[in-house]
Amino acid sequence: MKSEQETPEDNELLHNSMLYQEFLAEREEILCHKWLESEKAGYDIGFERALLDWIVRHRSAWREKRLKQRPSLPESKND
């Protein structure tokens, strides 16, 4: 079975996509949360625990704030 090779254009498209940018921003928040909670606990709590805790306690507010900060798209003039 032939596997498809990722081209430089595919890689650039991925890195420039809004979805990928949101993934990276969310991942960074989770890693910061992991660090803070590990410091409080006195040991590394692990990514999975930090992820679940962040989702339950912070994700909703974080996403709402991100949506408010996102520039609005221009309205269509095809009315």
PDB file of N, CA and C in Angstrom:
ATOM      1  N   MET A   1       0.845  -1.177   0.000  1.00  0.00           N
ATOM      2  CA  MET A   1       0.000   0.000   0.000  1.00  0.00           C
ATOM      3  C   MET A   1       0.888   1.237   0.000  1.00  0.00           C
ATOM      4  N   LYS A   2       0.634   2.138  -0.915  1.00  0.00           N
ATOM      5  CA  LYS A   2       1.439   3.347  -1.058  1.00  0.00           C
ATOM      6  C   LYS A   2       0.976   4.406  -0.067  1.00  0.00           C
ATOM      7  N   SER A   3       1.914   4.968   0.705  1.00  0.00           N
ATOM      8  CA  SER A   3       1.562   6.029   1.633  1.00  0.00           C
ATOM      9  C   SER A   3       1.787   7.374   0.961  1.00  0.00           C
ATOM     10  N   GLU A   4       0.884   8.317   1.265  1.00  0.00           N
ATOM     11  CA  GLU A   4       1.003   9.651   0.690  1.00  0.00           C
ATOM     12  C   GLU A   4       2.049  10.444   1.468  1.00  0.00           C
ATOM     13  N   GLN A   5       2.885  11.150   0.741  1.00  0.00           N
ATOM     14  CA  GLN A   5       3.908  11.990   1.348  1.00  0.00           C
ATOM     15  C   GLN A   5       3.373  13.403   1.517  1.00  0.00           C
ATOM     16  N   GLU A   6       3.662  14.010   2.653  1.00  0.00           N
ATOM     17  CA  GLU A   6       3.245  15.386   2.894  1.00  0.00           C
ATOM     18  C   GLU A   6       4.176  16.326   2.138  1.00  0.00           C
ATOM     19  N   THR A   7       3.597  17.232   1.376  1.00  0.00           N
ATOM     20  CA  THR A   7       4.394  18.183   0.608  1.00  0.00           C
ATOM     21  C   THR A   7       4.634  19.433   1.444  1.00  0.00           C
ATOM     22  N   PRO A   8       5.629  20.243   1.092  1.00  0.00           N
ATOM     23  CA  PRO A   8       5.844  21.513   1.796  1.00  0.00           C
ATOM     24  C   PRO A   8       4.611  22.411   1.756  1.00  0.00           C
ATOM     25  N   GLU A   9       3.859  22.352   0.656  1.00  0.00           N
ATOM     26  CA  GLU A   9       2.637  23.157   0.549  1.00  0.00           C
ATOM     27  C   GLU A   9       1.589  22.699   1.564  1.00  0.00           C
ATOM     28  N   ASP A  10       1.481  21.375   1.730  1.00  0.00           N
ATOM     29  CA  ASP A  10       0.546  20.835   2.723  1.00  0.00           C
ATOM     30  C   ASP A  10       0.935  21.292   4.120  1.00  0.00           C
ATOM     31  N   ASN A  11       2.224  21.231   4.410  1.00  0.00           N
ATOM     32  CA  ASN A  11       2.735  21.626   5.713  1.00  0.00           C
ATOM     33  C   ASN A  11       2.454  23.104   5.978  1.00  0.00           C
ATOM     34  N   GLU A  12       2.667  23.950   4.990  1.00  0.00           N
ATOM     35  CA  GLU A  12       2.413  25.387   5.137  1.00  0.00           C
ATOM     36  C   GLU A  12       0.924  25.647   5.346  1.00  0.00           C
ATOM     37  N   LEU A  13       0.090  24.952   4.583  1.00  0.00           N
ATOM     38  CA  LEU A  13      -1.358  25.103   4.719  1.00  0.00           C
ATOM     39  C   LEU A  13      -1.803  24.737   6.133  1.00  0.00           C
ATOM     40  N   LEU A  14      -1.278  23.642   6.650  1.00  0.00           N
ATOM     41  CA  LEU A  14      -1.617  23.209   8.004  1.00  0.00           C
ATOM     42  C   LEU A  14      -1.225  24.267   9.025  1.00  0.00           C
ATOM     43  N   HIS A  15       0.017  24.740   8.955  1.00  0.00           N
ATOM     44  CA  HIS A  15       0.513  25.689   9.942  1.00  0.00           C
ATOM     45  C   HIS A  15      -0.169  27.049   9.858  1.00  0.00           C
ATOM     46  N   ASN A  16      -0.734  27.380   8.715  1.00  0.00           N
ATOM     47  CA  ASN A  16      -1.434  28.649   8.555  1.00  0.00           C
ATOM     48  C   ASN A  16      -2.928  28.540   8.830  1.00  0.00           C
ATOM     49  N   SER A  17      -3.422  27.343   9.083  1.00  0.00           N
ATOM     50  CA  SER A  17      -4.862  27.172   9.280  1.00  0.00           C
ATOM     51  C   SER A  17      -5.292  27.676  10.659  1.00  0.00           C
ATOM     52  N   MET A  18      -6.501  28.211  10.708  1.00  0.00           N
ATOM     53  CA  MET A  18      -7.062  28.724  11.954  1.00  0.00           C
ATOM     54  C   MET A  18      -7.228  27.591  12.972  1.00  0.00           C
ATOM     55  N   LEU A  19      -7.642  26.424  12.495  1.00  0.00           N
ATOM     56  CA  LEU A  19      -7.831  25.279  13.385  1.00  0.00           C
ATOM     57  C   LEU A  19      -6.526  24.892  14.064  1.00  0.00           C
ATOM     58  N   TYR A  20      -5.451  24.853  13.295  1.00  0.00           N
ATOM     59  CA  TYR A  20      -4.149  24.493  13.863  1.00  0.00           C
ATOM     60  C   TYR A  20      -3.681  25.558  14.853  1.00  0.00           C
ATOM     61  N   GLN A  21      -3.902  26.824  14.530  1.00  0.00           N
ATOM     62  CA  GLN A  21      -3.518  27.904  15.434  1.00  0.00           C
ATOM     63  C   GLN A  21      -4.285  27.813  16.757  1.00  0.00           C
ATOM     64  N   GLU A  22      -5.567  27.478  16.682  1.00  0.00           N
ATOM     65  CA  GLU A  22      -6.366  27.307  17.897  1.00  0.00           C
ATOM     66  C   GLU A  22      -5.870  26.111  18.709  1.00  0.00           C
ATOM     67  N   PHE A  23      -5.524  25.025  18.018  1.00  0.00           N
ATOM     68  CA  PHE A  23      -4.982  23.855  18.697  1.00  0.00           C
ATOM     69  C   PHE A  23      -3.711  24.221  19.462  1.00  0.00           C
ATOM     70  N   LEU A  24      -2.799  24.949  18.809  1.00  0.00           N
ATOM     71  CA  LEU A  24      -1.548  25.341  19.457  1.00  0.00           C
ATOM     72  C   LEU A  24      -1.789  26.244  20.658  1.00  0.00           C
ATOM     73  N   ALA A  25      -2.717  27.180  20.534  1.00  0.00           N
ATOM     74  CA  ALA A  25      -3.017  28.087  21.642  1.00  0.00           C
ATOM     75  C   ALA A  25      -3.608  27.324  22.824  1.00  0.00           C
ATOM     76  N   GLU A  26      -4.516  26.401  22.535  1.00  0.00           N
ATOM     77  CA  GLU A  26      -5.127  25.609  23.600  1.00  0.00           C
ATOM     78  C   GLU A  26      -4.088  24.707  24.265  1.00  0.00           C
ATOM     79  N   ARG A  27      -3.235  24.105  23.472  1.00  0.00           N
ATOM     80  CA  ARG A  27      -2.174  23.241  24.002  1.00  0.00           C
ATOM     81  C   ARG A  27      -1.257  24.032  24.935  1.00  0.00           C
ATOM     82  N   GLU A  28      -0.926  25.253  24.543  1.00  0.00           N
ATOM     83  CA  GLU A  28      -0.067  26.103  25.379  1.00  0.00           C
ATOM     84  C   GLU A  28      -0.733  26.406  26.721  1.00  0.00           C
ATOM     85  N   GLU A  29      -2.034  26.676  26.704  1.00  0.00           N
ATOM     86  CA  GLU A  29      -2.769  26.922  27.948  1.00  0.00           C
ATOM     87  C   GLU A  29      -2.763  25.697  28.850  1.00  0.00           C
ATOM     88  N   ILE A  30      -2.938  24.538  28.257  1.00  0.00           N
ATOM     89  CA  ILE A  30      -2.945  23.291  29.032  1.00  0.00           C
ATOM     90  C   ILE A  30      -1.575  23.044  29.648  1.00  0.00           C
ATOM     91  N   LEU A  31      -0.517  23.287  28.889  1.00  0.00           N
ATOM     92  CA  LEU A  31       0.834  23.094  29.424  1.00  0.00           C
ATOM     93  C   LEU A  31       1.129  24.077  30.562  1.00  0.00           C
ATOM     94  N   CYS A  32       0.657  25.311  30.434  1.00  0.00           N
ATOM     95  CA  CYS A  32       0.825  26.278  31.530  1.00  0.00           C
ATOM     96  C   CYS A  32       0.051  25.825  32.763  1.00  0.00           C
ATOM     97  N   HIS A  33      -1.162  25.335  32.548  1.00  0.00           N
ATOM     98  CA  HIS A  33      -1.985  24.830  33.649  1.00  0.00           C
ATOM     99  C   HIS A  33      -1.297  23.644  34.320  1.00  0.00           C
ATOM    100  N   LYS A  34      -0.727  22.769  33.516  1.00  0.00           N
ATOM    101  CA  LYS A  34      -0.002  21.616  34.044  1.00  0.00           C
ATOM    102  C   LYS A  34       1.155  22.063  34.936  1.00  0.00           C
ATOM    103  N   TRP A  35       1.885  23.060  34.478  1.00  0.00           N
ATOM    104  CA  TRP A  35       3.019  23.556  35.257  1.00  0.00           C
ATOM    105  C   TRP A  35       2.542  24.149  36.585  1.00  0.00           C
ATOM    106  N   LEU A  36       1.520  25.007  36.514  1.00  0.00           N
ATOM    107  CA  LEU A  36       1.016  25.643  37.737  1.00  0.00           C
ATOM    108  C   LEU A  36       0.485  24.620  38.743  1.00  0.00           C
ATOM    109  N   GLU A  37      -0.320  23.692  38.255  1.00  0.00           N
ATOM    110  CA  GLU A  37      -0.897  22.688  39.150  1.00  0.00           C
ATOM    111  C   GLU A  37       0.164  21.725  39.686  1.00  0.00           C
ATOM    112  N   SER A  38       1.175  21.436  38.893  1.00  0.00           N
ATOM    113  CA  SER A  38       2.282  20.586  39.361  1.00  0.00           C
ATOM    114  C   SER A  38       3.073  21.300  40.454  1.00  0.00           C
ATOM    115  N   GLU A  39       3.279  22.601  40.287  1.00  0.00           N
ATOM    116  CA  GLU A  39       3.969  23.376  41.323  1.00  0.00           C
ATOM    117  C   GLU A  39       3.180  23.348  42.630  1.00  0.00           C
ATOM    118  N   LYS A  40       1.865  23.528  42.537  1.00  0.00           N
ATOM    119  CA  LYS A  40       1.012  23.486  43.737  1.00  0.00           C
ATOM    120  C   LYS A  40       1.073  22.122  44.419  1.00  0.00           C
ATOM    121  N   ALA A  41       1.043  21.070  43.598  1.00  0.00           N
ATOM    122  CA  ALA A  41       1.022  19.709  44.140  1.00  0.00           C
ATOM    123  C   ALA A  41       2.391  19.251  44.634  1.00  0.00           C
ATOM    124  N   GLY A  42       3.454  19.857  44.113  1.00  0.00           N
ATOM    125  CA  GLY A  42       4.795  19.451  44.500  1.00  0.00           C
ATOM    126  C   GLY A  42       5.345  18.301  43.672  1.00  0.00           C
ATOM    127  N   TYR A  43       4.634  17.915  42.624  1.00  0.00           N
ATOM    128  CA  TYR A  43       5.100  16.848  41.722  1.00  0.00           C
ATOM    129  C   TYR A  43       4.416  17.052  40.368  1.00  0.00           C
ATOM    130  N   ASP A  44       4.948  16.404  39.348  1.00  0.00           N
ATOM    131  CA  ASP A  44       4.381  16.505  38.005  1.00  0.00           C
ATOM    132  C   ASP A  44       3.051  15.753  37.968  1.00  0.00           C
ATOM    133  N   ILE A  45       1.964  16.472  37.713  1.00  0.00           N
ATOM    134  CA  ILE A  45       0.637  15.842  37.713  1.00  0.00           C
ATOM    135  C   ILE A  45       0.345  15.102  36.412  1.00  0.00           C
ATOM    136  N   GLY A  46       1.152  15.318  35.384  1.00  0.00           N
ATOM    137  CA  GLY A  46       0.964  14.641  34.111  1.00  0.00           C
ATOM    138  C   GLY A  46       0.022  15.399  33.182  1.00  0.00           C
ATOM    139  N   PHE A  47       0.222  15.190  31.898  1.00  0.00           N
ATOM    140  CA  PHE A  47      -0.546  15.916  30.900  1.00  0.00           C
ATOM    141  C   PHE A  47      -2.029  15.558  30.935  1.00  0.00           C
ATOM    142  N   GLU A  48      -2.354  14.274  31.055  1.00  0.00           N
ATOM    143  CA  GLU A  48      -3.749  13.855  31.008  1.00  0.00           C
ATOM    144  C   GLU A  48      -4.567  14.472  32.138  1.00  0.00           C
ATOM    145  N   ARG A  49      -4.021  14.462  33.335  1.00  0.00           N
ATOM    146  CA  ARG A  49      -4.727  15.059  34.479  1.00  0.00           C
ATOM    147  C   ARG A  49      -4.879  16.559  34.283  1.00  0.00           C
ATOM    148  N   ALA A  50      -3.815  17.216  33.821  1.00  0.00           N
ATOM    149  CA  ALA A  50      -3.877  18.653  33.573  1.00  0.00           C
ATOM    150  C   ALA A  50      -4.899  18.973  32.492  1.00  0.00           C
ATOM    151  N   LEU A  51      -4.915  18.165  31.440  1.00  0.00           N
ATOM    152  CA  LEU A  51      -5.860  18.358  30.342  1.00  0.00           C
ATOM    153  C   LEU A  51      -7.296  18.279  30.844  1.00  0.00           C
ATOM    154  N   LEU A  52      -7.626  17.217  31.553  1.00  0.00           N
ATOM    155  CA  LEU A  52      -8.996  17.041  32.045  1.00  0.00           C
ATOM    156  C   LEU A  52      -9.384  18.148  33.020  1.00  0.00           C
ATOM    157  N   ASP A  53      -8.471  18.515  33.907  1.00  0.00           N
ATOM    158  CA  ASP A  53      -8.747  19.569  34.875  1.00  0.00           C
ATOM    159  C   ASP A  53      -8.960  20.905  34.166  1.00  0.00           C
ATOM    160  N   TRP A  54      -8.125  21.209  33.182  1.00  0.00           N
ATOM    161  CA  TRP A  54      -8.243  22.471  32.442  1.00  0.00           C
ATOM    162  C   TRP A  54      -9.550  22.523  31.662  1.00  0.00           C
ATOM    163  N   ILE A  55      -9.925  21.407  31.027  1.00  0.00           N
ATOM    164  CA  ILE A  55     -11.180  21.367  30.275  1.00  0.00           C
ATOM    165  C   ILE A  55     -12.362  21.652  31.196  1.00  0.00           C
ATOM    166  N   VAL A  56     -12.390  21.004  32.336  1.00  0.00           N
ATOM    167  CA  VAL A  56     -13.506  21.161  33.272  1.00  0.00           C
ATOM    168  C   VAL A  56     -13.540  22.561  33.873  1.00  0.00           C
ATOM    169  N   ARG A  57     -12.380  23.094  34.249  1.00  0.00           N
ATOM    170  CA  ARG A  57     -12.338  24.349  35.002  1.00  0.00           C
ATOM    171  C   ARG A  57     -12.149  25.613  34.170  1.00  0.00           C
ATOM    172  N   HIS A  58     -11.508  25.515  32.994  1.00  0.00           N
ATOM    173  CA  HIS A  58     -11.104  26.736  32.307  1.00  0.00           C
ATOM    174  C   HIS A  58     -11.454  26.848  30.827  1.00  0.00           C
ATOM    175  N   ARG A  59     -11.690  25.748  30.158  1.00  0.00           N
ATOM    176  CA  ARG A  59     -11.824  25.785  28.696  1.00  0.00           C
ATOM    177  C   ARG A  59     -12.959  26.680  28.209  1.00  0.00           C
ATOM    178  N   SER A  60     -14.092  26.590  28.821  1.00  0.00           N
ATOM    179  CA  SER A  60     -15.250  27.360  28.384  1.00  0.00           C
ATOM    180  C   SER A  60     -14.967  28.863  28.411  1.00  0.00           C
ATOM    181  N   ALA A  61     -14.456  29.351  29.523  1.00  0.00           N
ATOM    182  CA  ALA A  61     -14.146  30.783  29.644  1.00  0.00           C
ATOM    183  C   ALA A  61     -13.024  31.187  28.692  1.00  0.00           C
ATOM    184  N   TRP A  62     -12.031  30.313  28.540  1.00  0.00           N
ATOM    185  CA  TRP A  62     -10.916  30.611  27.637  1.00  0.00           C
ATOM    186  C   TRP A  62     -11.400  30.755  26.203  1.00  0.00           C
ATOM    187  N   ARG A  63     -12.257  29.825  25.769  1.00  0.00           N
ATOM    188  CA  ARG A  63     -12.769  29.875  24.394  1.00  0.00           C
ATOM    189  C   ARG A  63     -13.648  31.103  24.172  1.00  0.00           C
ATOM    190  N   GLU A  64     -14.456  31.432  25.154  1.00  0.00           N
ATOM    191  CA  GLU A  64     -15.308  32.619  25.035  1.00  0.00           C
ATOM    192  C   GLU A  64     -14.450  33.876  24.885  1.00  0.00           C
ATOM    193  N   LYS A  65     -13.398  33.973  25.679  1.00  0.00           N
ATOM    194  CA  LYS A  65     -12.485  35.115  25.591  1.00  0.00           C
ATOM    195  C   LYS A  65     -11.796  35.148  24.227  1.00  0.00           C
ATOM    196  N   ARG A  66     -11.367  33.993  23.724  1.00  0.00           N
ATOM    197  CA  ARG A  66     -10.704  33.925  22.409  1.00  0.00           C
ATOM    198  C   ARG A  66     -11.641  34.388  21.303  1.00  0.00           C
ATOM    199  N   LEU A  67     -12.899  33.986  21.379  1.00  0.00           N
ATOM    200  CA  LEU A  67     -13.862  34.386  20.357  1.00  0.00           C
ATOM    201  C   LEU A  67     -14.081  35.896  20.349  1.00  0.00           C
ATOM    202  N   LYS A  68     -14.104  36.497  21.526  1.00  0.00           N
ATOM    203  CA  LYS A  68     -14.284  37.950  21.612  1.00  0.00           C
ATOM    204  C   LYS A  68     -13.070  38.700  21.073  1.00  0.00           C
ATOM    205  N   GLN A  69     -11.888  38.120  21.215  1.00  0.00           N
ATOM    206  CA  GLN A  69     -10.656  38.760  20.758  1.00  0.00           C
ATOM    207  C   GLN A  69     -10.425  38.592  19.266  1.00  0.00           C
ATOM    208  N   ARG A  70     -11.068  37.620  18.645  1.00  0.00           N
ATOM    209  CA  ARG A  70     -10.861  37.340  17.224  1.00  0.00           C
ATOM    210  C   ARG A  70     -11.475  38.460  16.389  1.00  0.00           C
ATOM    211  N   PRO A  71     -10.720  38.960  15.431  1.00  0.00           N
ATOM    212  CA  PRO A  71     -11.294  40.002  14.574  1.00  0.00           C
ATOM    213  C   PRO A  71     -12.462  39.439  13.766  1.00  0.00           C
ATOM    214  N   SER A  72     -13.495  40.246  13.623  1.00  0.00           N
ATOM    215  CA  SER A  72     -14.664  39.771  12.884  1.00  0.00           C
ATOM    216  C   SER A  72     -14.360  39.772  11.391  1.00  0.00           C
ATOM    217  N   LEU A  73     -15.015  38.869  10.689  1.00  0.00           N
ATOM    218  CA  LEU A  73     -14.836  38.765   9.253  1.00  0.00           C
ATOM    219  C   LEU A  73     -15.669  39.850   8.574  1.00  0.00           C
ATOM    220  N   PRO A  74     -15.196  40.387   7.466  1.00  0.00           N
ATOM    221  CA  PRO A  74     -15.994  41.400   6.768  1.00  0.00           C
ATOM    222  C   PRO A  74     -17.304  40.802   6.274  1.00  0.00           C
ATOM    223  N   GLU A  75     -18.352  41.610   6.311  1.00  0.00           N
ATOM    224  CA  GLU A  75     -19.653  41.133   5.872  1.00  0.00           C
ATOM    225  C   GLU A  75     -19.719  41.081   4.362  1.00  0.00           C
ATOM    226  N   SER A  76     -20.492  40.147   3.850  1.00  0.00           N
ATOM    227  CA  SER A  76     -20.662  39.982   2.414  1.00  0.00           C
ATOM    228  C   SER A  76     -21.548  41.110   1.875  1.00  0.00           C
ATOM    229  N   LYS A  77     -21.185  41.630   0.699  1.00  0.00           N
ATOM    230  CA  LYS A  77     -21.969  42.695   0.072  1.00  0.00           C
ATOM    231  C   LYS A  77     -22.817  42.132  -1.062  1.00  0.00           C
ATOM    232  N   ASN A  78     -23.154  40.860  -1.003  1.00  0.00           N
ATOM    233  CA  ASN A  78     -23.944  40.216  -2.053  1.00  0.00           C
ATOM    234  C   ASN A  78     -25.419  40.178  -1.685  1.00  0.00           C
ATOM    235  N   ASP A  79     -25.919  41.162  -0.965  1.00  0.00           N
ATOM    236  CA  ASP A  79     -27.333  41.168  -0.545  1.00  0.00           C
ATOM    237  C   ASP A  79     -28.224  41.656  -1.645  1.00  0.00           C
TER     238      ASP A  79
END
